[in-house]
């Protein structure tokens, strides 16, 4: 039976309107979901260039109907889903639990996203939301939370480590919370000292203003085992690498605008690593949610109605970098 999905699609890259899409009856592993909330992420902005795009990849909804092969979920379950939509299930990466690295992976913005009232999704890439996390708070965890959590697990960050979180924004404010709950000594690094108190409320023990980084200042600092860079932009890479201990690691989850360039000598002499990390695979996503509910980790959000007007307003706020710290579309019924 054909389903009529009620979505909020692009008219232009910054305006939205209600639009209906028809999809065929559920495939065996698919679920039909009524959407409760969807976060608005900077990554969504890259998908908005064409007409009739349905963005959104921080989606939380209630299962209404199951495909014939779905056995791990039931109607009424609250699930999250979004960036990773499918994989081959047969390659080395899939067989080792790294579906996000599958060469045949299906990711956002393929297909219909979460700016909608209902949708259809592959149940194998849906994650049951633990009791205790409201949908509006769970939404940003599906991308922002999963990204910072996975960066820490990918590179074996330990509770005894000192970690610096660069950028106190949509990713960074969650990075501070996850790292503090992990047991690390957490240092917030930002150009804005006005964020000092808020950064400490999120979990930082120290606040470093990067505008004050002189050779003398850096020499006086207690160095870091890890730096998690959440800033999408270019940094003075040599300066930041000088903040690391020998065998330290700089992990990038923000995307630099220009090629990354740094002096090779200090990297070799101090055995430093410059690395990247993507969002979570299925196993990591589940663990992230368990960890978040156990430690009461929640994004700081701004709520907007899950309507065409609300979506237009929320996207404008995110485009202007004014969200503090995640914009979330919330269903009104």
C-alpha atoms as a PDB file:
ATOM      1  CA  UNK A   1       0.000   0.000   0.000  1.00  0.00           C
ATOM      2  CA  UNK A   2       1.407   3.383  -1.041  1.00  0.00           C
ATOM      3  CA  UNK A   3       2.062   5.780   1.855  1.00  0.00           C
ATOM      4  CA  UNK A   4       1.615   9.542   1.693  1.00  0.00           C
ATOM      5  CA  UNK A   5       4.477  11.087   3.664  1.00  0.00           C
ATOM      6  CA  UNK A   6       3.908  14.619   4.914  1.00  0.00           C
ATOM      7  CA  UNK A   7       7.235  16.457   4.738  1.00  0.00           C
ATOM      8  CA  UNK A   8       8.692  19.949   4.983  1.00  0.00           C
ATOM      9  CA  UNK A   9      10.686  20.417   1.785  1.00  0.00           C
ATOM     10  CA  UNK A  10      12.830  23.225   0.420  1.00  0.00           C
ATOM     11  CA  UNK A  11      11.310  25.946  -1.747  1.00  0.00           C
ATOM     12  CA  UNK A  12      14.644  27.751  -1.794  1.00  0.00           C
ATOM     13  CA  UNK A  13      17.783  27.029   0.235  1.00  0.00           C
ATOM     14  CA  UNK A  14      16.332  29.091   3.094  1.00  0.00           C
ATOM     15  CA  UNK A  15      12.546  28.678   2.826  1.00  0.00           C
ATOM     16  CA  UNK A  16      10.335  25.623   3.250  1.00  0.00           C
ATOM     17  CA  UNK A  17       6.824  24.432   2.495  1.00  0.00           C
ATOM     18  CA  UNK A  18       4.689  21.393   3.263  1.00  0.00           C
ATOM     19  CA  UNK A  19       4.965  18.741   0.540  1.00  0.00           C
ATOM     20  CA  UNK A  20       3.612  15.212   0.173  1.00  0.00           C
ATOM     21  CA  UNK A  21       5.764  12.371  -1.171  1.00  0.00           C
ATOM     22  CA  UNK A  22       4.469   8.949  -2.107  1.00  0.00           C
ATOM     23  CA  UNK A  23       6.478   5.888  -1.106  1.00  0.00           C
ATOM     24  CA  UNK A  24       5.620   2.229  -1.775  1.00  0.00           C
ATOM     25  CA  UNK A  25       4.583  -0.222   0.903  1.00  0.00           C
ATOM     26  CA  UNK A  26       7.157  -1.051   3.555  1.00  0.00           C
ATOM     27  CA  UNK A  27      10.069  -3.246   2.543  1.00  0.00           C
ATOM     28  CA  UNK A  28      10.798  -6.164   4.910  1.00  0.00           C
ATOM     29  CA  UNK A  29      13.264  -4.269   7.156  1.00  0.00           C
ATOM     30  CA  UNK A  30      11.608  -0.863   7.039  1.00  0.00           C
ATOM     31  CA  UNK A  31       9.546   0.922   9.680  1.00  0.00           C
ATOM     32  CA  UNK A  32       6.955   3.652   9.326  1.00  0.00           C
ATOM     33  CA  UNK A  33       7.575   6.354  11.914  1.00  0.00           C
ATOM     34  CA  UNK A  34       5.709   9.383  13.206  1.00  0.00           C
ATOM     35  CA  UNK A  35       8.309  12.059  13.870  1.00  0.00           C
ATOM     36  CA  UNK A  36       8.468  13.654  17.323  1.00  0.00           C
ATOM     37  CA  UNK A  37      11.543  15.877  16.916  1.00  0.00           C
ATOM     38  CA  UNK A  38      14.439  16.571  14.569  1.00  0.00           C
ATOM     39  CA  UNK A  39      17.610  18.532  15.200  1.00  0.00           C
ATOM     40  CA  UNK A  40      18.904  21.070  12.685  1.00  0.00           C
ATOM     41  CA  UNK A  41      22.611  20.491  12.072  1.00  0.00           C
ATOM     42  CA  UNK A  42      25.120  22.502  10.034  1.00  0.00           C
ATOM     43  CA  UNK A  43      25.463  19.446   7.786  1.00  0.00           C
ATOM     44  CA  UNK A  44      21.829  19.918   6.773  1.00  0.00           C
ATOM     45  CA  UNK A  45      22.747  23.248   5.198  1.00  0.00           C
ATOM     46  CA  UNK A  46      24.875  21.519   2.555  1.00  0.00           C
ATOM     47  CA  UNK A  47      21.785  19.664   1.294  1.00  0.00           C
ATOM     48  CA  UNK A  48      19.494  22.658   0.817  1.00  0.00           C
ATOM     49  CA  UNK A  49      20.616  23.878  -2.592  1.00  0.00           C
ATOM     50  CA  UNK A  50      17.865  22.227  -4.640  1.00  0.00           C
ATOM     51  CA  UNK A  51      14.072  22.437  -4.610  1.00  0.00           C
ATOM     52  CA  UNK A  52      12.016  19.746  -2.836  1.00  0.00           C
ATOM     53  CA  UNK A  53      14.871  18.541  -0.607  1.00  0.00           C
ATOM     54  CA  UNK A  54      13.763  17.038   2.727  1.00  0.00           C
ATOM     55  CA  UNK A  55      16.743  17.521   5.047  1.00  0.00           C
ATOM     56  CA  UNK A  56      17.214  16.471   8.662  1.00  0.00           C
ATOM     57  CA  UNK A  57      19.368  13.667  10.068  1.00  0.00           C
ATOM     58  CA  UNK A  58      18.891  14.004  13.840  1.00  0.00           C
ATOM     59  CA  UNK A  59      15.471  12.412  13.818  1.00  0.00           C
ATOM     60  CA  UNK A  60      13.431  10.959  16.676  1.00  0.00           C
ATOM     61  CA  UNK A  61      10.082   9.297  16.138  1.00  0.00           C
ATOM     62  CA  UNK A  62       7.530   6.755  17.294  1.00  0.00           C
ATOM     63  CA  UNK A  63       7.181   3.522  15.354  1.00  0.00           C
ATOM     64  CA  UNK A  64       3.726   3.064  13.885  1.00  0.00           C
ATOM     65  CA  UNK A  65       4.149   0.113  11.532  1.00  0.00           C
ATOM     66  CA  UNK A  66       6.737  -2.627  10.939  1.00  0.00           C
ATOM     67  CA  UNK A  67       8.000  -4.367   7.837  1.00  0.00           C
ATOM     68  CA  UNK A  68       7.686  -8.157   7.746  1.00  0.00           C
ATOM     69  CA  UNK A  69      11.292  -8.853   8.855  1.00  0.00           C
ATOM     70  CA  UNK A  70      11.559  -6.366  11.732  1.00  0.00           C
ATOM     71  CA  UNK A  71      11.988  -8.281  14.999  1.00  0.00           C
ATOM     72  CA  UNK A  72      13.911  -5.988  17.351  1.00  0.00           C
ATOM     73  CA  UNK A  73      11.379  -3.141  17.482  1.00  0.00           C
ATOM     74  CA  UNK A  74       7.633  -2.792  18.028  1.00  0.00           C
ATOM     75  CA  UNK A  75       4.923  -0.187  17.469  1.00  0.00           C
ATOM     76  CA  UNK A  76       5.128   2.521  20.110  1.00  0.00           C
ATOM     77  CA  UNK A  77       8.919   2.345  20.463  1.00  0.00           C
ATOM     78  CA  UNK A  78      10.733   5.693  20.342  1.00  0.00           C
ATOM     79  CA  UNK A  79      13.721   5.457  17.999  1.00  0.00           C
ATOM     80  CA  UNK A  80      16.426   7.714  16.654  1.00  0.00           C
ATOM     81  CA  UNK A  81      17.994   7.618  13.212  1.00  0.00           C
ATOM     82  CA  UNK A  82      19.621   9.850  10.676  1.00  0.00           C
ATOM     83  CA  UNK A  83      23.031  10.182   9.031  1.00  0.00           C
ATOM     84  CA  UNK A  84      23.834   6.516   8.324  1.00  0.00           C
ATOM     85  CA  UNK A  85      20.976   4.967   6.370  1.00  0.00           C
ATOM     86  CA  UNK A  86      22.377   1.729   4.989  1.00  0.00           C
ATOM     87  CA  UNK A  87      25.426  -0.404   4.228  1.00  0.00           C
ATOM     88  CA  UNK A  88      26.284  -3.598   2.368  1.00  0.00           C
ATOM     89  CA  UNK A  89      26.537  -5.825   5.507  1.00  0.00           C
ATOM     90  CA  UNK A  90      29.138  -7.959   3.710  1.00  0.00           C
ATOM     91  CA  UNK A  91      32.444  -6.082   3.518  1.00  0.00           C
ATOM     92  CA  UNK A  92      35.354  -6.064   5.973  1.00  0.00           C
ATOM     93  CA  UNK A  93      34.176  -2.819   7.552  1.00  0.00           C
ATOM     94  CA  UNK A  94      30.577  -3.970   8.036  1.00  0.00           C
ATOM     95  CA  UNK A  95      31.685  -7.334   9.396  1.00  0.00           C
ATOM     96  CA  UNK A  96      33.884  -5.582  11.976  1.00  0.00           C
ATOM     97  CA  UNK A  97      31.143  -3.209  13.144  1.00  0.00           C
ATOM     98  CA  UNK A  98      32.318  -0.195  11.153  1.00  0.00           C
ATOM     99  CA  UNK A  99      29.328   0.260   8.858  1.00  0.00           C
ATOM    100  CA  UNK A 100      29.993   4.003   8.707  1.00  0.00           C
ATOM    101  CA  UNK A 101      33.185   3.196   6.745  1.00  0.00           C
ATOM    102  CA  UNK A 102      31.504   0.809   4.266  1.00  0.00           C
ATOM    103  CA  UNK A 103      32.383   1.836   0.705  1.00  0.00           C
ATOM    104  CA  UNK A 104      28.734   1.211  -0.253  1.00  0.00           C
ATOM    105  CA  UNK A 105      27.244   3.022   2.729  1.00  0.00           C
ATOM    106  CA  UNK A 106      24.110   5.091   2.257  1.00  0.00           C
ATOM    107  CA  UNK A 107      24.182   8.374   4.161  1.00  0.00           C
ATOM    108  CA  UNK A 108      22.332  11.651   4.454  1.00  0.00           C
ATOM    109  CA  UNK A 109      21.290  13.458   2.249  1.00  0.00           C
ATOM    110  CA  UNK A 110      20.218  10.435   0.173  1.00  0.00           C
ATOM    111  CA  UNK A 111      16.446   9.948   0.377  1.00  0.00           C
ATOM    112  CA  UNK A 112      14.019  11.775   2.642  1.00  0.00           C
ATOM    113  CA  UNK A 113      15.218  13.298   5.908  1.00  0.00           C
ATOM    114  CA  UNK A 114      13.610  14.150   9.210  1.00  0.00           C
ATOM    115  CA  UNK A 115      12.108  17.558   8.398  1.00  0.00           C
ATOM    116  CA  UNK A 116       8.747  15.819   8.137  1.00  0.00           C
ATOM    117  CA  UNK A 117       5.728  14.632  10.074  1.00  0.00           C
ATOM    118  CA  UNK A 118       6.266  10.984   9.172  1.00  0.00           C
ATOM    119  CA  UNK A 119       8.810   8.922   7.279  1.00  0.00           C
ATOM    120  CA  UNK A 120      10.031   5.434   6.398  1.00  0.00           C
ATOM    121  CA  UNK A 121      13.458   4.192   7.512  1.00  0.00           C
ATOM    122  CA  UNK A 122      15.550   1.018   7.583  1.00  0.00           C
ATOM    123  CA  UNK A 123      14.998  -0.477  11.035  1.00  0.00           C
ATOM    124  CA  UNK A 124      18.545  -1.846  11.093  1.00  0.00           C
ATOM    125  CA  UNK A 125      19.777   1.735  11.388  1.00  0.00           C
ATOM    126  CA  UNK A 126      17.247   2.825  14.013  1.00  0.00           C
ATOM    127  CA  UNK A 127      18.290   3.039  17.660  1.00  0.00           C
ATOM    128  CA  UNK A 128      15.870   2.652  20.528  1.00  0.00           C
ATOM    129  CA  UNK A 129      15.927   5.755  22.717  1.00  0.00           C
ATOM    130  CA  UNK A 130      16.367   4.891  26.407  1.00  0.00           C
ATOM    131  CA  UNK A 131      13.718   5.976  28.859  1.00  0.00           C
ATOM    132  CA  UNK A 132      14.666   9.249  30.460  1.00  0.00           C
ATOM    133  CA  UNK A 133      15.711  11.130  27.316  1.00  0.00           C
ATOM    134  CA  UNK A 134      12.968  13.289  25.805  1.00  0.00           C
ATOM    135  CA  UNK A 135      12.822  13.225  21.980  1.00  0.00           C
ATOM    136  CA  UNK A 136      13.808  16.892  21.708  1.00  0.00           C
ATOM    137  CA  UNK A 137      17.032  16.197  23.624  1.00  0.00           C
ATOM    138  CA  UNK A 138      17.701  12.880  21.923  1.00  0.00           C
ATOM    139  CA  UNK A 139      17.669  14.445  18.447  1.00  0.00           C
ATOM    140  CA  UNK A 140      21.041  16.237  18.583  1.00  0.00           C
ATOM    141  CA  UNK A 141      22.630  13.157  20.154  1.00  0.00           C
ATOM    142  CA  UNK A 142      22.052  11.258  16.898  1.00  0.00           C
ATOM    143  CA  UNK A 143      24.703  13.316  15.085  1.00  0.00           C
ATOM    144  CA  UNK A 144      26.484  15.774  17.396  1.00  0.00           C
ATOM    145  CA  UNK A 145      26.536  13.415  20.377  1.00  0.00           C
ATOM    146  CA  UNK A 146      27.467  10.402  18.266  1.00  0.00           C
ATOM    147  CA  UNK A 147      30.273  12.360  16.605  1.00  0.00           C
ATOM    148  CA  UNK A 148      32.088  13.423  19.775  1.00  0.00           C
ATOM    149  CA  UNK A 149      31.489  10.098  21.551  1.00  0.00           C
ATOM    150  CA  UNK A 150      32.865   8.119  18.605  1.00  0.00           C
ATOM    151  CA  UNK A 151      35.932  10.334  18.358  1.00  0.00           C
ATOM    152  CA  UNK A 152      36.772   9.430  21.945  1.00  0.00           C
ATOM    153  CA  UNK A 153      36.186   5.699  21.499  1.00  0.00           C
ATOM    154  CA  UNK A 154      37.927   5.507  18.114  1.00  0.00           C
ATOM    155  CA  UNK A 155      41.173   6.809  19.597  1.00  0.00           C
ATOM    156  CA  UNK A 156      40.964   5.118  22.989  1.00  0.00           C
ATOM    157  CA  UNK A 157      40.686   8.202  25.184  1.00  0.00           C
ATOM    158  CA  UNK A 158      41.182   7.090  28.789  1.00  0.00           C
ATOM    159  CA  UNK A 159      39.681   8.481  32.013  1.00  0.00           C
ATOM    160  CA  UNK A 160      43.167   9.484  33.138  1.00  0.00           C
ATOM    161  CA  UNK A 161      43.802  11.584  30.020  1.00  0.00           C
ATOM    162  CA  UNK A 162      43.850  15.344  29.674  1.00  0.00           C
ATOM    163  CA  UNK A 163      41.700  16.407  26.735  1.00  0.00           C
ATOM    164  CA  UNK A 164      41.131  19.814  25.178  1.00  0.00           C
ATOM    165  CA  UNK A 165      37.844  20.550  23.404  1.00  0.00           C
ATOM    166  CA  UNK A 166      38.262  23.247  20.745  1.00  0.00           C
ATOM    167  CA  UNK A 167      35.113  25.239  20.059  1.00  0.00           C
ATOM    168  CA  UNK A 168      32.256  25.657  22.546  1.00  0.00           C
ATOM    169  CA  UNK A 169      29.366  25.258  20.119  1.00  0.00           C
ATOM    170  CA  UNK A 170      26.919  22.612  18.974  1.00  0.00           C
ATOM    171  CA  UNK A 171      29.526  19.842  19.016  1.00  0.00           C
ATOM    172  CA  UNK A 172      31.869  21.251  21.615  1.00  0.00           C
ATOM    173  CA  UNK A 173      29.340  21.715  24.415  1.00  0.00           C
ATOM    174  CA  UNK A 174      28.489  18.009  24.108  1.00  0.00           C
ATOM    175  CA  UNK A 175      32.169  17.086  23.849  1.00  0.00           C
ATOM    176  CA  UNK A 176      32.758  18.763  27.220  1.00  0.00           C
ATOM    177  CA  UNK A 177      29.947  16.748  28.801  1.00  0.00           C
ATOM    178  CA  UNK A 178      31.001  13.397  27.366  1.00  0.00           C
ATOM    179  CA  UNK A 179      34.674  13.920  28.246  1.00  0.00           C
ATOM    180  CA  UNK A 180      33.853  14.981  31.822  1.00  0.00           C
ATOM    181  CA  UNK A 181      31.585  11.964  32.302  1.00  0.00           C
ATOM    182  CA  UNK A 182      34.350   9.788  30.814  1.00  0.00           C
ATOM    183  CA  UNK A 183      36.542  10.849  33.713  1.00  0.00           C
ATOM    184  CA  UNK A 184      39.009  13.029  31.809  1.00  0.00           C
ATOM    185  CA  UNK A 185      40.561  16.293  32.893  1.00  0.00           C
ATOM    186  CA  UNK A 186      38.722  18.532  30.438  1.00  0.00           C
ATOM    187  CA  UNK A 187      40.023  21.830  29.068  1.00  0.00           C
ATOM    188  CA  UNK A 188      37.739  24.104  27.034  1.00  0.00           C
ATOM    189  CA  UNK A 189      39.575  26.049  24.306  1.00  0.00           C
ATOM    190  CA  UNK A 190      37.848  29.023  22.697  1.00  0.00           C
ATOM    191  CA  UNK A 191      38.449  32.530  21.428  1.00  0.00           C
ATOM    192  CA  UNK A 192      35.605  33.865  23.591  1.00  0.00           C
ATOM    193  CA  UNK A 193      36.298  34.232  27.308  1.00  0.00           C
ATOM    194  CA  UNK A 194      32.640  35.128  27.853  1.00  0.00           C
ATOM    195  CA  UNK A 195      31.953  31.399  27.533  1.00  0.00           C
ATOM    196  CA  UNK A 196      34.173  30.499  30.500  1.00  0.00           C
ATOM    197  CA  UNK A 197      31.442  29.947  33.087  1.00  0.00           C
ATOM    198  CA  UNK A 198      29.177  28.109  30.668  1.00  0.00           C
ATOM    199  CA  UNK A 199      32.033  25.876  29.501  1.00  0.00           C
ATOM    200  CA  UNK A 200      32.724  24.942  33.114  1.00  0.00           C
ATOM    201  CA  UNK A 201      29.031  24.223  33.667  1.00  0.00           C
ATOM    202  CA  UNK A 202      29.232  21.748  30.775  1.00  0.00           C
ATOM    203  CA  UNK A 203      32.195  19.975  32.357  1.00  0.00           C
ATOM    204  CA  UNK A 204      35.436  21.871  31.760  1.00  0.00           C
ATOM    205  CA  UNK A 205      37.932  22.084  34.621  1.00  0.00           C
ATOM    206  CA  UNK A 206      39.911  24.806  32.836  1.00  0.00           C
ATOM    207  CA  UNK A 207      39.278  27.402  30.127  1.00  0.00           C
ATOM    208  CA  UNK A 208      42.025  28.479  27.721  1.00  0.00           C
ATOM    209  CA  UNK A 209      41.529  31.507  25.489  1.00  0.00           C
ATOM    210  CA  UNK A 210      43.357  30.712  22.264  1.00  0.00           C
ATOM    211  CA  UNK A 211      43.812  34.411  21.521  1.00  0.00           C
ATOM    212  CA  UNK A 212      46.307  34.408  24.404  1.00  0.00           C
ATOM    213  CA  UNK A 213      48.447  31.605  22.942  1.00  0.00           C
ATOM    214  CA  UNK A 214      51.948  33.027  22.794  1.00  0.00           C
ATOM    215  CA  UNK A 215      55.068  30.830  22.910  1.00  0.00           C
ATOM    216  CA  UNK A 216      55.517  31.848  26.548  1.00  0.00           C
ATOM    217  CA  UNK A 217      51.896  31.083  27.426  1.00  0.00           C
ATOM    218  CA  UNK A 218      51.972  27.686  25.705  1.00  0.00           C
ATOM    219  CA  UNK A 219      55.226  26.791  27.474  1.00  0.00           C
ATOM    220  CA  UNK A 220      53.530  27.428  30.833  1.00  0.00           C
ATOM    221  CA  UNK A 221      50.538  25.170  30.159  1.00  0.00           C
ATOM    222  CA  UNK A 222      50.159  21.583  31.311  1.00  0.00           C
ATOM    223  CA  UNK A 223      50.040  19.747  27.978  1.00  0.00           C
ATOM    224  CA  UNK A 224      47.230  17.552  26.679  1.00  0.00           C
ATOM    225  CA  UNK A 225      46.978  13.907  25.662  1.00  0.00           C
ATOM    226  CA  UNK A 226      44.201  14.659  23.193  1.00  0.00           C
ATOM    227  CA  UNK A 227      42.675  17.622  21.447  1.00  0.00           C
ATOM    228  CA  UNK A 228      39.186  17.227  19.970  1.00  0.00           C
ATOM    229  CA  UNK A 229      38.702  19.972  17.394  1.00  0.00           C
ATOM    230  CA  UNK A 230      35.015  20.658  16.741  1.00  0.00           C
ATOM    231  CA  UNK A 231      35.564  23.851  14.725  1.00  0.00           C
ATOM    232  CA  UNK A 232      34.747  23.798  11.016  1.00  0.00           C
ATOM    233  CA  UNK A 233      37.466  26.139   9.863  1.00  0.00           C
ATOM    234  CA  UNK A 234      41.208  26.600   9.756  1.00  0.00           C
ATOM    235  CA  UNK A 235      43.385  26.652  12.853  1.00  0.00           C
ATOM    236  CA  UNK A 236      47.043  27.573  13.401  1.00  0.00           C
ATOM    237  CA  UNK A 237      47.897  23.878  13.310  1.00  0.00           C
ATOM    238  CA  UNK A 238      51.487  24.139  14.569  1.00  0.00           C
ATOM    239  CA  UNK A 239      50.296  26.141  17.559  1.00  0.00           C
ATOM    240  CA  UNK A 240      47.675  23.571  18.493  1.00  0.00           C
ATOM    241  CA  UNK A 241      50.050  20.650  18.006  1.00  0.00           C
ATOM    242  CA  UNK A 242      52.400  22.345  20.468  1.00  0.00           C
ATOM    243  CA  UNK A 243      49.699  21.927  23.132  1.00  0.00           C
ATOM    244  CA  UNK A 244      50.053  18.129  22.990  1.00  0.00           C
ATOM    245  CA  UNK A 245      52.212  15.834  25.063  1.00  0.00           C
ATOM    246  CA  UNK A 246      54.512  13.388  23.239  1.00  0.00           C
ATOM    247  CA  UNK A 247      52.323  10.680  21.633  1.00  0.00           C
ATOM    248  CA  UNK A 248      49.404  13.106  21.737  1.00  0.00           C
ATOM    249  CA  UNK A 249      46.586  13.121  19.198  1.00  0.00           C
ATOM    250  CA  UNK A 250      44.710  15.953  17.513  1.00  0.00           C
ATOM    251  CA  UNK A 251      41.304  14.613  16.393  1.00  0.00           C
ATOM    252  CA  UNK A 252      39.334  16.624  13.858  1.00  0.00           C
ATOM    253  CA  UNK A 253      35.565  16.319  13.627  1.00  0.00           C
ATOM    254  CA  UNK A 254      35.200  19.827  12.210  1.00  0.00           C
ATOM    255  CA  UNK A 255      36.040  20.219   8.524  1.00  0.00           C
ATOM    256  CA  UNK A 256      38.889  22.621   7.652  1.00  0.00           C
ATOM    257  CA  UNK A 257      38.256  24.931   4.726  1.00  0.00           C
ATOM    258  CA  UNK A 258      41.826  24.690   3.405  1.00  0.00           C
ATOM    259  CA  UNK A 259      44.373  21.856   3.265  1.00  0.00           C
ATOM    260  CA  UNK A 260      45.865  21.164   6.680  1.00  0.00           C
ATOM    261  CA  UNK A 261      49.545  22.122   6.832  1.00  0.00           C
ATOM    262  CA  UNK A 262      52.022  21.842   9.715  1.00  0.00           C
ATOM    263  CA  UNK A 263      55.734  21.430  10.411  1.00  0.00           C
ATOM    264  CA  UNK A 264      56.752  17.797  10.193  1.00  0.00           C
ATOM    265  CA  UNK A 265      59.682  17.977  12.599  1.00  0.00           C
ATOM    266  CA  UNK A 266      57.751  18.352  15.885  1.00  0.00           C
ATOM    267  CA  UNK A 267      55.245  15.730  14.767  1.00  0.00           C
ATOM    268  CA  UNK A 268      58.027  13.204  14.202  1.00  0.00           C
ATOM    269  CA  UNK A 269      60.121  14.118  17.246  1.00  0.00           C
ATOM    270  CA  UNK A 270      57.110  13.985  19.578  1.00  0.00           C
ATOM    271  CA  UNK A 271      55.325  11.114  17.780  1.00  0.00           C
ATOM    272  CA  UNK A 272      52.159  13.144  17.367  1.00  0.00           C
ATOM    273  CA  UNK A 273      49.073  12.097  15.420  1.00  0.00           C
ATOM    274  CA  UNK A 274      46.672  14.226  13.397  1.00  0.00           C
ATOM    275  CA  UNK A 275      43.490  12.258  12.831  1.00  0.00           C
ATOM    276  CA  UNK A 276      39.877  12.471  11.752  1.00  0.00           C
ATOM    277  CA  UNK A 277      36.690  10.859  12.996  1.00  0.00           C
ATOM    278  CA  UNK A 278      33.268  10.419  11.406  1.00  0.00           C
ATOM    279  CA  UNK A 279      29.898   9.796  13.061  1.00  0.00           C
ATOM    280  CA  UNK A 280      28.990   6.536  14.769  1.00  0.00           C
ATOM    281  CA  UNK A 281      28.431   3.079  13.393  1.00  0.00           C
ATOM    282  CA  UNK A 282      25.465   1.113  14.754  1.00  0.00           C
ATOM    283  CA  UNK A 283      27.145  -0.393  17.806  1.00  0.00           C
ATOM    284  CA  UNK A 284      28.708   2.927  18.818  1.00  0.00           C
ATOM    285  CA  UNK A 285      25.397   4.741  18.455  1.00  0.00           C
ATOM    286  CA  UNK A 286      23.737   2.372  20.893  1.00  0.00           C
ATOM    287  CA  UNK A 287      26.572   2.691  23.387  1.00  0.00           C
ATOM    288  CA  UNK A 288      26.485   6.470  23.099  1.00  0.00           C
ATOM    289  CA  UNK A 289      22.809   6.549  24.039  1.00  0.00           C
ATOM    290  CA  UNK A 290      23.396   4.221  27.008  1.00  0.00           C
ATOM    291  CA  UNK A 291      26.250   6.435  28.214  1.00  0.00           C
ATOM    292  CA  UNK A 292      24.243   9.650  27.748  1.00  0.00           C
ATOM    293  CA  UNK A 293      21.283   8.452  29.802  1.00  0.00           C
ATOM    294  CA  UNK A 294      23.552   6.991  32.502  1.00  0.00           C
ATOM    295  CA  UNK A 295      25.378  10.309  32.961  1.00  0.00           C
ATOM    296  CA  UNK A 296      22.447  12.645  32.255  1.00  0.00           C
ATOM    297  CA  UNK A 297      24.137  14.184  29.203  1.00  0.00           C
ATOM    298  CA  UNK A 298      21.802  16.533  27.344  1.00  0.00           C
ATOM    299  CA  UNK A 299      22.327  19.124  24.625  1.00  0.00           C
ATOM    300  CA  UNK A 300      21.387  22.708  25.315  1.00  0.00           C
ATOM    301  CA  UNK A 301      18.634  23.378  22.802  1.00  0.00           C
ATOM    302  CA  UNK A 302      16.405  26.022  21.255  1.00  0.00           C
ATOM    303  CA  UNK A 303      12.964  24.715  20.275  1.00  0.00           C
ATOM    304  CA  UNK A 304      11.106  25.511  17.057  1.00  0.00           C
ATOM    305  CA  UNK A 305       7.791  24.086  15.829  1.00  0.00           C
ATOM    306  CA  UNK A 306       7.997  21.254  13.300  1.00  0.00           C
ATOM    307  CA  UNK A 307       6.254  23.326  10.641  1.00  0.00           C
ATOM    308  CA  UNK A 308       7.363  25.037   7.441  1.00  0.00           C
ATOM    309  CA  UNK A 309       7.597  28.361   9.271  1.00  0.00           C
ATOM    310  CA  UNK A 310       9.456  26.853  12.211  1.00  0.00           C
ATOM    311  CA  UNK A 311      11.900  25.091   9.909  1.00  0.00           C
ATOM    312  CA  UNK A 312      12.586  28.314   7.993  1.00  0.00           C
ATOM    313  CA  UNK A 313      13.297  30.112  11.274  1.00  0.00           C
ATOM    314  CA  UNK A 314      15.488  27.340  12.708  1.00  0.00           C
ATOM    315  CA  UNK A 315      17.558  27.000   9.545  1.00  0.00           C
ATOM    316  CA  UNK A 316      18.138  30.763   9.500  1.00  0.00           C
ATOM    317  CA  UNK A 317      19.412  30.673  13.081  1.00  0.00           C
ATOM    318  CA  UNK A 318      21.781  27.775  12.312  1.00  0.00           C
ATOM    319  CA  UNK A 319      22.986  29.441   9.084  1.00  0.00           C
ATOM    320  CA  UNK A 320      23.867  32.579  11.054  1.00  0.00           C
ATOM    321  CA  UNK A 321      25.672  30.525  13.750  1.00  0.00           C
ATOM    322  CA  UNK A 322      23.316  31.930  16.378  1.00  0.00           C
ATOM    323  CA  UNK A 323      21.937  28.667  17.815  1.00  0.00           C
ATOM    324  CA  UNK A 324      22.824  28.083  21.480  1.00  0.00           C
ATOM    325  CA  UNK A 325      23.624  25.353  21.079  1.00  0.00           C
ATOM    326  CA  UNK A 326      21.392  23.074  18.984  1.00  0.00           C
ATOM    327  CA  UNK A 327      18.182  24.053  17.176  1.00  0.00           C
ATOM    328  CA  UNK A 328      15.496  21.368  17.365  1.00  0.00           C
ATOM    329  CA  UNK A 329      12.186  21.085  15.499  1.00  0.00           C
ATOM    330  CA  UNK A 330       9.509  19.701  17.817  1.00  0.00           C
ATOM    331  CA  UNK A 331       6.186  18.184  16.733  1.00  0.00           C
ATOM    332  CA  UNK A 332       3.222  20.213  17.948  1.00  0.00           C
ATOM    333  CA  UNK A 333       0.660  17.457  18.471  1.00  0.00           C
END
